[in-house]
Amino acid sequence: MEVGRLPISASQRGKLIAAGYTTLSSFSSLSPSHLARDLKISDNEAAEIMRVASHSHRLDGSAGGCGTVNGAQTAWDMLHEEEMFPRITTSCEDLDNILGGGINCKEVTEIGGVPGIGKTQLGIQLAINVQIPVDYGGLGGKAIYIDTEGSFMVERALQIVEACIEDMSECGALLRKDFQACQLKMHPNNILENIFYFRVCSYTEQIALINYLDKFISEHKDVKIVIVDSVTFHFRQDFDDMALRTRLLSGMALKLMKLAKDFSLAVVLLNQVTTKYIDGSFQLTLALGDSWSHSCTNRVILYWNGNERYAYIDKSPSLRLASAPYSVTSKGIRNSASNCKRIKMM
């Protein structure tokens, strides 16, 4: 059960979320004095919150019974389900190839790299490509774009939308499909309307929004991707209490993984880089530390190799470690300029 549903005051719910307690299980084992210290409230007030939480948890459990534990699924069913579910193309054939066909649904994929490497460009590209109709190998879905840095540019999104429609028209001619039939749905205005944009300006807003997403997605069932650009920004600002930061990040990661699984959608987390002292020298690594690296299913690192951009699969349970070049062009993410292959839409 989420703390947002507890029958306590709004200020108490806000203090719980700000302190990293987003679910009842996150503070069920604490003492009232410990909770009081974290929330900066009296012991009596903390004890009352825990009493209400305990009572609500019992009611929630009795109402749900044993239904909170889902039935087992066979590995064969899981494999069949994964093979049948289309992936979201990046519009770069080489990048899609190392990703096993594109960004997978039901998984959390972290993509990080230095400033200017194309993280936001890739995020916008995915928010548009998820809308490619099923007949053209897409998901025909909608996107949620959570912007923590103010880097989303709608003019740039419109450029990529127009290029995507142009690519689909060429693809339709190759496949001898009637592109006119889906042209109304794929009008630039309609594509932009299917990107739900949220601007968040603090880590508390970010956590509150992510806790709200299950309700939002339940009301917008066509959402097939959630992009956070970047997941890092507000957690690198003025955090003296590193235990609090770890608790907040862990709760947010669990929520995002649950969203991906429950709604069969892709979660893409864009991340920044930091320096780490490794083997006697400082090296670039993705931000938020080693413990955060376990919060995602796949981890992709974007980097420069000379004047060329590359993507490297750094971690994945199903993909082999590999790298591929890509380009950021006026049309969006594309194959490397030095690798002139036809862009694969399917």
C-alpha atoms as a PDB file:
ATOM      1  CA  MET A   1       0.000   0.000   0.000  1.00  0.00           C
ATOM      2  CA  GLU A   2       1.223   3.521  -0.855  1.00  0.00           C
ATOM      3  CA  VAL A   3       1.524   6.179   1.856  1.00  0.00           C
ATOM      4  CA  GLY A   4      -0.471   8.505  -0.395  1.00  0.00           C
ATOM      5  CA  ARG A   5      -3.565   6.454   0.477  1.00  0.00           C
ATOM      6  CA  LEU A   6      -3.122   6.628   4.252  1.00  0.00           C
ATOM      7  CA  PRO A   7      -5.912   8.450   6.142  1.00  0.00           C
ATOM      8  CA  ILE A   8      -3.536  10.983   7.681  1.00  0.00           C
ATOM      9  CA  SER A   9      -3.022  14.699   7.073  1.00  0.00           C
ATOM     10  CA  ALA A  10      -1.545  15.923   3.808  1.00  0.00           C
ATOM     11  CA  SER A  11       1.432  17.424   5.646  1.00  0.00           C
ATOM     12  CA  GLN A  12       2.177  14.067   7.309  1.00  0.00           C
ATOM     13  CA  ARG A  13       1.993  12.273   3.944  1.00  0.00           C
ATOM     14  CA  GLY A  14       4.305  14.896   2.482  1.00  0.00           C
ATOM     15  CA  LYS A  15       6.841  14.418   5.284  1.00  0.00           C
ATOM     16  CA  LEU A  16       6.787  10.651   4.807  1.00  0.00           C
ATOM     17  CA  ILE A  17       7.398  10.914   1.062  1.00  0.00           C
ATOM     18  CA  ALA A  18      10.100  13.572   1.506  1.00  0.00           C
ATOM     19  CA  ALA A  19      11.878  11.272   3.970  1.00  0.00           C
ATOM     20  CA  GLY A  20      11.802   8.403   1.495  1.00  0.00           C
ATOM     21  CA  TYR A  21       8.923   6.417   2.999  1.00  0.00           C
ATOM     22  CA  THR A  22       6.686   5.837  -0.013  1.00  0.00           C
ATOM     23  CA  THR A  23       5.167   2.464   0.972  1.00  0.00           C
ATOM     24  CA  LEU A  24       3.987   1.030   4.284  1.00  0.00           C
ATOM     25  CA  SER A  25       6.637  -1.678   4.168  1.00  0.00           C
ATOM     26  CA  SER A  26       9.376   0.971   3.992  1.00  0.00           C
ATOM     27  CA  PHE A  27       8.809   1.993   7.631  1.00  0.00           C
ATOM     28  CA  SER A  28       6.869  -0.912   9.143  1.00  0.00           C
ATOM     29  CA  SER A  29       9.931  -2.226  11.000  1.00  0.00           C
ATOM     30  CA  LEU A  30      10.968   1.141  12.472  1.00  0.00           C
ATOM     31  CA  SER A  31      10.393   2.322  16.025  1.00  0.00           C
ATOM     32  CA  PRO A  32       8.243   5.438  16.559  1.00  0.00           C
ATOM     33  CA  SER A  33      11.292   7.333  17.843  1.00  0.00           C
ATOM     34  CA  HIS A  34      13.246   6.503  14.679  1.00  0.00           C
ATOM     35  CA  LEU A  35      10.349   7.651  12.477  1.00  0.00           C
ATOM     36  CA  ALA A  36       9.928  10.788  14.607  1.00  0.00           C
ATOM     37  CA  ARG A  37      13.603  11.657  14.120  1.00  0.00           C
ATOM     38  CA  ASP A  38      13.427  11.202  10.336  1.00  0.00           C
ATOM     39  CA  LEU A  39      10.200  13.200   9.994  1.00  0.00           C
ATOM     40  CA  LYS A  40      11.154  15.798  12.654  1.00  0.00           C
ATOM     41  CA  ILE A  41       7.892  15.257  14.553  1.00  0.00           C
ATOM     42  CA  SER A  42       7.030  14.199  18.090  1.00  0.00           C
ATOM     43  CA  ASP A  43       7.178  10.573  19.218  1.00  0.00           C
ATOM     44  CA  ASN A  44       3.423  10.613  19.883  1.00  0.00           C
ATOM     45  CA  GLU A  45       2.662  11.828  16.361  1.00  0.00           C
ATOM     46  CA  ALA A  46       4.985   9.185  14.896  1.00  0.00           C
ATOM     47  CA  ALA A  47       3.334   6.473  16.985  1.00  0.00           C
ATOM     48  CA  GLU A  48      -0.096   7.560  15.735  1.00  0.00           C
ATOM     49  CA  ILE A  49       1.070   7.454  12.110  1.00  0.00           C
ATOM     50  CA  MET A  50       2.403   3.939  12.620  1.00  0.00           C
ATOM     51  CA  ARG A  51      -0.848   2.867  14.304  1.00  0.00           C
ATOM     52  CA  VAL A  52      -2.907   4.157  11.364  1.00  0.00           C
ATOM     53  CA  ALA A  53      -0.475   2.553   8.902  1.00  0.00           C
ATOM     54  CA  SER A  54      -0.668  -0.801  10.683  1.00  0.00           C
ATOM     55  CA  HIS A  55      -4.481  -0.704  10.725  1.00  0.00           C
ATOM     56  CA  SER A  56      -4.669   0.279   7.026  1.00  0.00           C
ATOM     57  CA  HIS A  57      -2.208  -2.468   6.115  1.00  0.00           C
ATOM     58  CA  ARG A  58      -4.379  -5.083   7.859  1.00  0.00           C
ATOM     59  CA  LEU A  59      -7.496  -3.830   6.078  1.00  0.00           C
ATOM     60  CA  ASP A  60      -5.703  -3.805   2.747  1.00  0.00           C
ATOM     61  CA  GLY A  61      -4.459  -7.348   3.311  1.00  0.00           C
ATOM     62  CA  SER A  62      -7.845  -8.708   4.384  1.00  0.00           C
ATOM     63  CA  ALA A  63      -9.541  -7.109   1.394  1.00  0.00           C
ATOM     64  CA  GLY A  64      -7.032  -8.531  -1.030  1.00  0.00           C
ATOM     65  CA  GLY A  65      -6.576 -11.864   0.729  1.00  0.00           C
ATOM     66  CA  CYS A  66      -3.924 -13.994  -0.888  1.00  0.00           C
ATOM     67  CA  GLY A  67      -4.590 -12.316  -4.219  1.00  0.00           C
ATOM     68  CA  THR A  68      -1.581 -10.063  -3.675  1.00  0.00           C
ATOM     69  CA  VAL A  69       0.607 -12.999  -4.703  1.00  0.00           C
ATOM     70  CA  ASN A  70       0.215 -13.749  -8.386  1.00  0.00           C
ATOM     71  CA  GLY A  71       0.183 -17.256  -9.764  1.00  0.00           C
ATOM     72  CA  ALA A  72       3.353 -18.778 -11.157  1.00  0.00           C
ATOM     73  CA  GLN A  73       4.253 -18.277 -14.804  1.00  0.00           C
ATOM     74  CA  THR A  74       6.256 -20.853 -16.692  1.00  0.00           C
ATOM     75  CA  ALA A  75       9.570 -19.928 -18.286  1.00  0.00           C
ATOM     76  CA  TRP A  76       8.170 -21.119 -21.632  1.00  0.00           C
ATOM     77  CA  ASP A  77       5.286 -18.653 -21.371  1.00  0.00           C
ATOM     78  CA  MET A  78       7.726 -15.882 -20.479  1.00  0.00           C
ATOM     79  CA  LEU A  79       9.892 -16.640 -23.513  1.00  0.00           C
ATOM     80  CA  HIS A  80       6.884 -16.764 -25.826  1.00  0.00           C
ATOM     81  CA  GLU A  81       5.563 -13.497 -24.419  1.00  0.00           C
ATOM     82  CA  GLU A  82       8.933 -11.770 -24.868  1.00  0.00           C
ATOM     83  CA  GLU A  83       9.306 -12.980 -28.459  1.00  0.00           C
ATOM     84  CA  MET A  84       5.805 -11.841 -29.381  1.00  0.00           C
ATOM     85  CA  PHE A  85       6.110  -8.358 -27.886  1.00  0.00           C
ATOM     86  CA  PRO A  86       7.566  -5.784 -30.329  1.00  0.00           C
ATOM     87  CA  ARG A  87      10.395  -3.513 -29.252  1.00  0.00           C
ATOM     88  CA  ILE A  88      10.694   0.229 -29.690  1.00  0.00           C
ATOM     89  CA  THR A  89      13.112   1.101 -32.461  1.00  0.00           C
ATOM     90  CA  THR A  90      15.752   3.796 -31.918  1.00  0.00           C
ATOM     91  CA  SER A  91      15.770   4.578 -35.678  1.00  0.00           C
ATOM     92  CA  CYS A  92      19.401   3.430 -35.762  1.00  0.00           C
ATOM     93  CA  GLU A  93      19.704  -0.104 -37.151  1.00  0.00           C
ATOM     94  CA  ASP A  94      23.101  -0.762 -35.582  1.00  0.00           C
ATOM     95  CA  LEU A  95      21.914   0.407 -32.162  1.00  0.00           C
ATOM     96  CA  ASP A  96      18.736  -1.684 -32.480  1.00  0.00           C
ATOM     97  CA  ASN A  97      20.839  -4.740 -33.305  1.00  0.00           C
ATOM     98  CA  ILE A  98      22.881  -4.636 -30.096  1.00  0.00           C
ATOM     99  CA  LEU A  99      19.653  -3.992 -28.144  1.00  0.00           C
ATOM    100  CA  GLY A 100      18.078  -7.147 -29.535  1.00  0.00           C
ATOM    101  CA  GLY A 101      15.741  -5.191 -31.816  1.00  0.00           C
ATOM    102  CA  GLY A 102      15.230  -2.021 -29.791  1.00  0.00           C
ATOM    103  CA  ILE A 103      14.109  -0.961 -26.315  1.00  0.00           C
ATOM    104  CA  ASN A 104      12.228  -3.791 -24.620  1.00  0.00           C
ATOM    105  CA  CYS A 105       8.968  -3.391 -22.750  1.00  0.00           C
ATOM    106  CA  LYS A 106       8.554  -4.714 -19.196  1.00  0.00           C
ATOM    107  CA  GLU A 107      12.143  -3.621 -18.520  1.00  0.00           C
ATOM    108  CA  VAL A 108      13.945  -0.606 -17.081  1.00  0.00           C
ATOM    109  CA  THR A 109      16.729   0.631 -19.371  1.00  0.00           C
ATOM    110  CA  GLU A 110      19.240   3.189 -18.145  1.00  0.00           C
ATOM    111  CA  ILE A 111      21.026   5.294 -20.764  1.00  0.00           C
ATOM    112  CA  GLY A 112      23.840   7.552 -19.617  1.00  0.00           C
ATOM    113  CA  GLY A 113      26.645   9.624 -21.031  1.00  0.00           C
ATOM    114  CA  VAL A 114      28.457  12.956 -21.075  1.00  0.00           C
ATOM    115  CA  PRO A 115      26.653  16.228 -21.930  1.00  0.00           C
ATOM    116  CA  GLY A 116      26.046  16.643 -25.656  1.00  0.00           C
ATOM    117  CA  ILE A 117      26.246  12.935 -26.476  1.00  0.00           C
ATOM    118  CA  GLY A 118      22.556  12.750 -27.454  1.00  0.00           C
ATOM    119  CA  LYS A 119      20.694  11.416 -24.405  1.00  0.00           C
ATOM    120  CA  THR A 120      17.755  13.809 -24.704  1.00  0.00           C
ATOM    121  CA  GLN A 121      17.699  13.359 -28.488  1.00  0.00           C
ATOM    122  CA  LEU A 122      17.362   9.596 -27.980  1.00  0.00           C
ATOM    123  CA  GLY A 123      14.662  10.123 -25.355  1.00  0.00           C
ATOM    124  CA  ILE A 124      12.598  12.293 -27.711  1.00  0.00           C
ATOM    125  CA  GLN A 125      13.159   9.796 -30.541  1.00  0.00           C
ATOM    126  CA  LEU A 126      11.782   6.939 -28.411  1.00  0.00           C
ATOM    127  CA  ALA A 127       8.767   9.019 -27.318  1.00  0.00           C
ATOM    128  CA  ILE A 128       7.921   9.431 -31.006  1.00  0.00           C
ATOM    129  CA  ASN A 129       8.859   5.959 -32.266  1.00  0.00           C
ATOM    130  CA  VAL A 130       6.654   4.235 -29.683  1.00  0.00           C
ATOM    131  CA  GLN A 131       3.734   5.668 -31.677  1.00  0.00           C
ATOM    132  CA  ILE A 132       4.644   3.885 -34.928  1.00  0.00           C
ATOM    133  CA  PRO A 133       1.530   1.842 -35.853  1.00  0.00           C
ATOM    134  CA  VAL A 134       1.469  -1.909 -35.273  1.00  0.00           C
ATOM    135  CA  ASP A 135       1.191  -2.516 -39.047  1.00  0.00           C
ATOM    136  CA  TYR A 136       4.605  -0.908 -39.419  1.00  0.00           C
ATOM    137  CA  GLY A 137       6.245  -2.908 -36.649  1.00  0.00           C
ATOM    138  CA  GLY A 138       5.619  -0.420 -33.845  1.00  0.00           C
ATOM    139  CA  LEU A 139       3.533  -0.435 -30.687  1.00  0.00           C
ATOM    140  CA  GLY A 140       0.996   2.244 -31.615  1.00  0.00           C
ATOM    141  CA  GLY A 141       1.331   3.566 -28.063  1.00  0.00           C
ATOM    142  CA  LYS A 142       1.766   6.842 -26.206  1.00  0.00           C
ATOM    143  CA  ALA A 143       4.635   8.251 -24.156  1.00  0.00           C
ATOM    144  CA  ILE A 144       5.200   9.924 -20.800  1.00  0.00           C
ATOM    145  CA  TYR A 145       8.186  12.291 -20.754  1.00  0.00           C
ATOM    146  CA  ILE A 146       9.366  13.455 -17.317  1.00  0.00           C
ATOM    147  CA  ASP A 147      11.735  16.413 -17.696  1.00  0.00           C
ATOM    148  CA  THR A 148      13.809  17.294 -14.616  1.00  0.00           C
ATOM    149  CA  GLU A 149      16.324  19.575 -16.356  1.00  0.00           C
ATOM    150  CA  GLY A 150      14.214  21.596 -18.794  1.00  0.00           C
ATOM    151  CA  SER A 151      16.025  20.048 -21.754  1.00  0.00           C
ATOM    152  CA  PHE A 152      12.955  18.915 -23.742  1.00  0.00           C
ATOM    153  CA  MET A 153      12.472  21.115 -26.813  1.00  0.00           C
ATOM    154  CA  VAL A 154       9.116  20.798 -28.554  1.00  0.00           C
ATOM    155  CA  GLU A 155      10.517  22.384 -31.751  1.00  0.00           C
ATOM    156  CA  ARG A 156      13.116  19.605 -31.895  1.00  0.00           C
ATOM    157  CA  ALA A 157      10.412  17.018 -31.238  1.00  0.00           C
ATOM    158  CA  LEU A 158       8.445  18.383 -34.212  1.00  0.00           C
ATOM    159  CA  GLN A 159      11.513  17.986 -36.473  1.00  0.00           C
ATOM    160  CA  ILE A 160      11.885  14.345 -35.426  1.00  0.00           C
ATOM    161  CA  VAL A 161       8.132  13.738 -35.851  1.00  0.00           C
ATOM    162  CA  GLU A 162       8.202  15.018 -39.428  1.00  0.00           C
ATOM    163  CA  ALA A 163      11.246  12.846 -40.208  1.00  0.00           C
ATOM    164  CA  CYS A 164       9.529   9.791 -38.690  1.00  0.00           C
ATOM    165  CA  ILE A 165       6.447  10.317 -40.866  1.00  0.00           C
ATOM    166  CA  GLU A 166       8.694  10.679 -43.910  1.00  0.00           C
ATOM    167  CA  ASP A 167      10.480   7.421 -43.058  1.00  0.00           C
ATOM    168  CA  MET A 168       7.153   5.651 -42.600  1.00  0.00           C
ATOM    169  CA  SER A 169       5.979   6.847 -45.989  1.00  0.00           C
ATOM    170  CA  GLU A 170       9.111   5.411 -47.625  1.00  0.00           C
ATOM    171  CA  CYS A 171       8.728   2.208 -45.632  1.00  0.00           C
ATOM    172  CA  GLY A 172       5.075   1.917 -46.702  1.00  0.00           C
ATOM    173  CA  ALA A 173       6.085   2.191 -50.353  1.00  0.00           C
ATOM    174  CA  LEU A 174       8.687  -0.574 -49.897  1.00  0.00           C
ATOM    175  CA  LEU A 175       6.175  -2.817 -48.142  1.00  0.00           C
ATOM    176  CA  ARG A 176       3.405  -1.867 -50.597  1.00  0.00           C
ATOM    177  CA  LYS A 177       1.200  -0.693 -47.760  1.00  0.00           C
ATOM    178  CA  ASP A 178      -1.389   2.070 -48.013  1.00  0.00           C
ATOM    179  CA  PHE A 179       0.230   4.812 -45.984  1.00  0.00           C
ATOM    180  CA  GLN A 180      -2.745   7.110 -46.574  1.00  0.00           C
ATOM    181  CA  ALA A 181      -4.820   4.879 -44.285  1.00  0.00           C
ATOM    182  CA  CYS A 182      -2.736   5.761 -41.221  1.00  0.00           C
ATOM    183  CA  GLN A 183      -1.643   9.250 -42.280  1.00  0.00           C
ATOM    184  CA  LEU A 184      -4.438  10.946 -40.327  1.00  0.00           C
ATOM    185  CA  LYS A 185      -3.387   9.197 -37.113  1.00  0.00           C
ATOM    186  CA  MET A 186       0.297   9.971 -37.769  1.00  0.00           C
ATOM    187  CA  HIS A 187      -0.231  13.705 -38.315  1.00  0.00           C
ATOM    188  CA  PRO A 188       2.438  15.734 -36.444  1.00  0.00           C
ATOM    189  CA  ASN A 189      -0.166  17.349 -34.182  1.00  0.00           C
ATOM    190  CA  ASN A 190      -1.560  13.957 -33.152  1.00  0.00           C
ATOM    191  CA  ILE A 191       1.895  12.552 -32.411  1.00  0.00           C
ATOM    192  CA  LEU A 192       2.797  15.522 -30.207  1.00  0.00           C
ATOM    193  CA  GLU A 193      -0.551  15.184 -28.408  1.00  0.00           C
ATOM    194  CA  ASN A 194       0.379  11.601 -27.521  1.00  0.00           C
ATOM    195  CA  ILE A 195       3.461  12.704 -25.567  1.00  0.00           C
ATOM    196  CA  PHE A 196       2.421  13.504 -21.988  1.00  0.00           C
ATOM    197  CA  TYR A 197       5.015  15.975 -20.719  1.00  0.00           C
ATOM    198  CA  PHE A 198       5.704  16.587 -17.026  1.00  0.00           C
ATOM    199  CA  ARG A 199       8.177  19.212 -15.804  1.00  0.00           C
ATOM    200  CA  VAL A 200       9.397  18.547 -12.261  1.00  0.00           C
ATOM    201  CA  CYS A 201      11.518  21.022 -10.300  1.00  0.00           C
ATOM    202  CA  SER A 202      12.504  19.124  -7.142  1.00  0.00           C
ATOM    203  CA  TYR A 203      13.148  15.592  -5.942  1.00  0.00           C
ATOM    204  CA  THR A 204       9.913  15.647  -3.913  1.00  0.00           C
ATOM    205  CA  GLU A 205       7.941  16.517  -7.060  1.00  0.00           C
ATOM    206  CA  GLN A 206       9.764  13.743  -8.913  1.00  0.00           C
ATOM    207  CA  ILE A 207       8.904  11.131  -6.283  1.00  0.00           C
ATOM    208  CA  ALA A 208       5.296  12.324  -5.994  1.00  0.00           C
ATOM    209  CA  LEU A 209       4.868  12.140  -9.776  1.00  0.00           C
ATOM    210  CA  ILE A 210       6.324   8.640 -10.041  1.00  0.00           C
ATOM    211  CA  ASN A 211       4.012   7.504  -7.235  1.00  0.00           C
ATOM    212  CA  TYR A 212       1.094   8.992  -9.219  1.00  0.00           C
ATOM    213  CA  LEU A 213       2.013   7.316 -12.502  1.00  0.00           C
ATOM    214  CA  ASP A 214       0.156   4.043 -11.883  1.00  0.00           C
ATOM    215  CA  LYS A 215      -3.114   5.995 -11.579  1.00  0.00           C
ATOM    216  CA  PHE A 216      -2.304   8.098 -14.645  1.00  0.00           C
ATOM    217  CA  ILE A 217      -1.361   5.075 -16.756  1.00  0.00           C
ATOM    218  CA  SER A 218      -4.497   3.236 -15.627  1.00  0.00           C
ATOM    219  CA  GLU A 219      -6.479   6.138 -17.109  1.00  0.00           C
ATOM    220  CA  HIS A 220      -4.313   6.266 -20.273  1.00  0.00           C
ATOM    221  CA  LYS A 221      -3.899   2.596 -21.109  1.00  0.00           C
ATOM    222  CA  ASP A 222      -2.081   3.205 -24.408  1.00  0.00           C
ATOM    223  CA  VAL A 223       1.056   4.490 -22.649  1.00  0.00           C
ATOM    224  CA  LYS A 224       3.926   2.189 -23.658  1.00  0.00           C
ATOM    225  CA  ILE A 225       6.997   4.109 -22.521  1.00  0.00           C
ATOM    226  CA  VAL A 226       8.011   6.295 -19.572  1.00  0.00           C
ATOM    227  CA  ILE A 227      11.143   8.435 -20.052  1.00  0.00           C
ATOM    228  CA  VAL A 228      12.837  10.258 -17.169  1.00  0.00           C
ATOM    229  CA  ASP A 229      15.309  12.932 -18.349  1.00  0.00           C
ATOM    230  CA  SER A 230      17.271  12.823 -16.204  1.00  0.00           C
ATOM    231  CA  VAL A 231      16.701  10.602 -13.215  1.00  0.00           C
ATOM    232  CA  THR A 232      19.806  12.105 -11.590  1.00  0.00           C
ATOM    233  CA  PHE A 233      19.442  15.859 -11.667  1.00  0.00           C
ATOM    234  CA  HIS A 234      17.544  16.604  -8.447  1.00  0.00           C
ATOM    235  CA  PHE A 235      19.383  13.910  -6.493  1.00  0.00           C
ATOM    236  CA  ARG A 236      22.741  15.603  -7.004  1.00  0.00           C
ATOM    237  CA  GLN A 237      21.619  18.873  -5.478  1.00  0.00           C
ATOM    238  CA  ASP A 238      22.152  19.655  -1.772  1.00  0.00           C
ATOM    239  CA  PHE A 239      21.922  16.122  -0.413  1.00  0.00           C
ATOM    240  CA  ASP A 240      23.852  15.944   2.855  1.00  0.00           C
ATOM    241  CA  ASP A 241      21.928  12.906   4.130  1.00  0.00           C
ATOM    242  CA  MET A 242      23.168  10.137   1.834  1.00  0.00           C
ATOM    243  CA  ALA A 243      21.102   7.509   3.693  1.00  0.00           C
ATOM    244  CA  LEU A 244      17.981   9.497   2.851  1.00  0.00           C
ATOM    245  CA  ARG A 245      19.052   9.766  -0.780  1.00  0.00           C
ATOM    246  CA  THR A 246      19.643   6.009  -1.001  1.00  0.00           C
ATOM    247  CA  ARG A 247      16.245   5.313   0.535  1.00  0.00           C
ATOM    248  CA  LEU A 248      14.492   7.691  -1.853  1.00  0.00           C
ATOM    249  CA  LEU A 249      16.255   6.261  -4.897  1.00  0.00           C
ATOM    250  CA  SER A 250      15.537   2.671  -3.866  1.00  0.00           C
ATOM    251  CA  GLY A 251      11.851   3.376  -3.430  1.00  0.00           C
ATOM    252  CA  MET A 252      11.681   5.167  -6.770  1.00  0.00           C
ATOM    253  CA  ALA A 253      13.508   2.348  -8.558  1.00  0.00           C
ATOM    254  CA  LEU A 254      11.151  -0.292  -7.155  1.00  0.00           C
ATOM    255  CA  LYS A 255       8.153   1.767  -8.235  1.00  0.00           C
ATOM    256  CA  LEU A 256       9.492   2.132 -11.789  1.00  0.00           C
ATOM    257  CA  MET A 257      10.270  -1.586 -12.074  1.00  0.00           C
ATOM    258  CA  LYS A 258       6.739  -2.403 -10.903  1.00  0.00           C
ATOM    259  CA  LEU A 259       5.251   0.018 -13.460  1.00  0.00           C
ATOM    260  CA  ALA A 260       7.215  -1.631 -16.279  1.00  0.00           C
ATOM    261  CA  LYS A 261       6.013  -5.079 -15.296  1.00  0.00           C
ATOM    262  CA  ASP A 262       2.405  -4.293 -14.363  1.00  0.00           C
ATOM    263  CA  PHE A 263       1.644  -2.215 -17.458  1.00  0.00           C
ATOM    264  CA  SER A 264       3.935  -4.002 -19.963  1.00  0.00           C
ATOM    265  CA  LEU A 265       5.722  -0.789 -20.848  1.00  0.00           C
ATOM    266  CA  ALA A 266       9.302   0.362 -21.253  1.00  0.00           C
ATOM    267  CA  VAL A 267      10.933   2.613 -18.670  1.00  0.00           C
ATOM    268  CA  VAL A 268      13.949   4.574 -19.932  1.00  0.00           C
ATOM    269  CA  LEU A 269      16.053   6.459 -17.395  1.00  0.00           C
ATOM    270  CA  LEU A 270      18.524   8.989 -18.758  1.00  0.00           C
ATOM    271  CA  ASN A 271      21.503   9.495 -16.460  1.00  0.00           C
ATOM    272  CA  GLN A 272      24.434  11.868 -16.085  1.00  0.00           C
ATOM    273  CA  VAL A 273      28.082  11.013 -15.498  1.00  0.00           C
ATOM    274  CA  THR A 274      30.452  11.609 -12.624  1.00  0.00           C
ATOM    275  CA  THR A 275      34.083  10.775 -11.851  1.00  0.00           C
ATOM    276  CA  LYS A 276      35.203   7.778  -9.824  1.00  0.00           C
ATOM    277  CA  TYR A 277      38.673   6.877  -8.569  1.00  0.00           C
ATOM    278  CA  ILE A 278      39.491   3.495 -10.151  1.00  0.00           C
ATOM    279  CA  ASP A 279      42.901   1.796 -10.294  1.00  0.00           C
ATOM    280  CA  GLY A 280      44.855   4.912  -9.414  1.00  0.00           C
ATOM    281  CA  SER A 281      43.073   7.373 -11.690  1.00  0.00           C
ATOM    282  CA  PHE A 282      39.799   9.238 -12.026  1.00  0.00           C
ATOM    283  CA  GLN A 283      37.456   7.757 -14.629  1.00  0.00           C
ATOM    284  CA  LEU A 284      34.012   8.730 -15.902  1.00  0.00           C
ATOM    285  CA  THR A 285      31.140   6.595 -14.645  1.00  0.00           C
ATOM    286  CA  LEU A 286      27.359   6.960 -14.488  1.00  0.00           C
ATOM    287  CA  ALA A 287      26.046   8.945 -11.536  1.00  0.00           C
ATOM    288  CA  LEU A 288      24.256   7.736  -8.373  1.00  0.00           C
ATOM    289  CA  GLY A 289      26.770   5.060  -7.410  1.00  0.00           C
ATOM    290  CA  ASP A 290      27.131   1.302  -7.639  1.00  0.00           C
ATOM    291  CA  SER A 291      23.965   0.454  -5.706  1.00  0.00           C
ATOM    292  CA  TRP A 292      21.863   2.391  -8.231  1.00  0.00           C
ATOM    293  CA  SER A 293      23.293   0.335 -11.109  1.00  0.00           C
ATOM    294  CA  HIS A 294      21.275  -2.645  -9.842  1.00  0.00           C
ATOM    295  CA  SER A 295      18.027  -0.699 -10.233  1.00  0.00           C
ATOM    296  CA  CYS A 296      17.807  -1.187 -13.985  1.00  0.00           C
ATOM    297  CA  THR A 297      17.497  -4.234 -16.222  1.00  0.00           C
ATOM    298  CA  ASN A 298      19.774  -2.914 -18.957  1.00  0.00           C
ATOM    299  CA  ARG A 299      22.448  -0.236 -18.837  1.00  0.00           C
ATOM    300  CA  VAL A 300      23.649   1.554 -21.981  1.00  0.00           C
ATOM    301  CA  ILE A 301      26.580   3.969 -21.923  1.00  0.00           C
ATOM    302  CA  LEU A 302      26.930   6.576 -24.680  1.00  0.00           C
ATOM    303  CA  TYR A 303      30.445   7.819 -25.380  1.00  0.00           C
ATOM    304  CA  TRP A 304      32.675   9.519 -27.934  1.00  0.00           C
ATOM    305  CA  ASN A 305      35.172   7.526 -29.999  1.00  0.00           C
ATOM    306  CA  GLY A 306      37.092  10.250 -31.776  1.00  0.00           C
ATOM    307  CA  ASN A 307      34.435  12.336 -33.530  1.00  0.00           C
ATOM    308  CA  GLU A 308      31.918   9.506 -33.599  1.00  0.00           C
ATOM    309  CA  ARG A 309      29.212   8.649 -31.087  1.00  0.00           C
ATOM    310  CA  TYR A 310      29.002   5.089 -29.791  1.00  0.00           C
ATOM    311  CA  ALA A 311      26.581   3.168 -27.551  1.00  0.00           C
ATOM    312  CA  TYR A 312      27.859   0.349 -25.357  1.00  0.00           C
ATOM    313  CA  ILE A 313      25.787  -2.326 -23.609  1.00  0.00           C
ATOM    314  CA  ASP A 314      27.369  -2.209 -20.151  1.00  0.00           C
ATOM    315  CA  LYS A 315      24.936  -4.480 -18.330  1.00  0.00           C
ATOM    316  CA  SER A 316      22.101  -6.792 -19.365  1.00  0.00           C
ATOM    317  CA  PRO A 317      20.833 -10.225 -18.325  1.00  0.00           C
ATOM    318  CA  SER A 318      19.959 -11.175 -21.901  1.00  0.00           C
ATOM    319  CA  LEU A 319      22.074  -9.022 -24.252  1.00  0.00           C
ATOM    320  CA  ARG A 320      25.754  -9.599 -24.956  1.00  0.00           C
ATOM    321  CA  LEU A 321      28.151  -6.767 -24.215  1.00  0.00           C
ATOM    322  CA  ALA A 322      28.611  -4.918 -27.480  1.00  0.00           C
ATOM    323  CA  SER A 323      28.963  -1.441 -28.948  1.00  0.00           C
ATOM    324  CA  ALA A 324      27.556   0.293 -32.026  1.00  0.00           C
ATOM    325  CA  PRO A 325      28.003   3.707 -33.668  1.00  0.00           C
ATOM    326  CA  TYR A 326      25.100   6.134 -34.091  1.00  0.00           C
ATOM    327  CA  SER A 327      24.571   9.701 -35.246  1.00  0.00           C
ATOM    328  CA  VAL A 328      22.440  12.620 -34.096  1.00  0.00           C
ATOM    329  CA  THR A 329      21.140  14.301 -37.256  1.00  0.00           C
ATOM    330  CA  SER A 330      18.549  16.927 -38.112  1.00  0.00           C
ATOM    331  CA  LYS A 331      16.090  14.020 -38.469  1.00  0.00           C
ATOM    332  CA  GLY A 332      16.945  12.517 -35.081  1.00  0.00           C
ATOM    333  CA  ILE A 333      18.887   9.381 -34.156  1.00  0.00           C
ATOM    334  CA  ARG A 334      20.209   7.599 -37.229  1.00  0.00           C
ATOM    335  CA  ASN A 335      22.941   5.205 -38.364  1.00  0.00           C
ATOM    336  CA  SER A 336      26.467   6.538 -38.166  1.00  0.00           C
ATOM    337  CA  ALA A 337      27.368   8.823 -41.057  1.00  0.00           C
ATOM    338  CA  SER A 338      30.314   6.512 -41.794  1.00  0.00           C
ATOM    339  CA  ASN A 339      27.970   3.529 -42.074  1.00  0.00           C
ATOM    340  CA  CYS A 340      25.596   4.272 -44.922  1.00  0.00           C
ATOM    341  CA  LYS A 341      22.965   1.561 -44.594  1.00  0.00           C
ATOM    342  CA  ARG A 342      19.240   1.881 -45.147  1.00  0.00           C
ATOM    343  CA  ILE A 343      17.468   2.753 -41.902  1.00  0.00           C
ATOM    344  CA  LYS A 344      15.445  -0.209 -40.729  1.00  0.00           C
ATOM    345  CA  MET A 345      11.909   0.701 -39.653  1.00  0.00           C
ATOM    346  CA  MET A 346      10.817  -2.806 -38.680  1.00  0.00           C
END
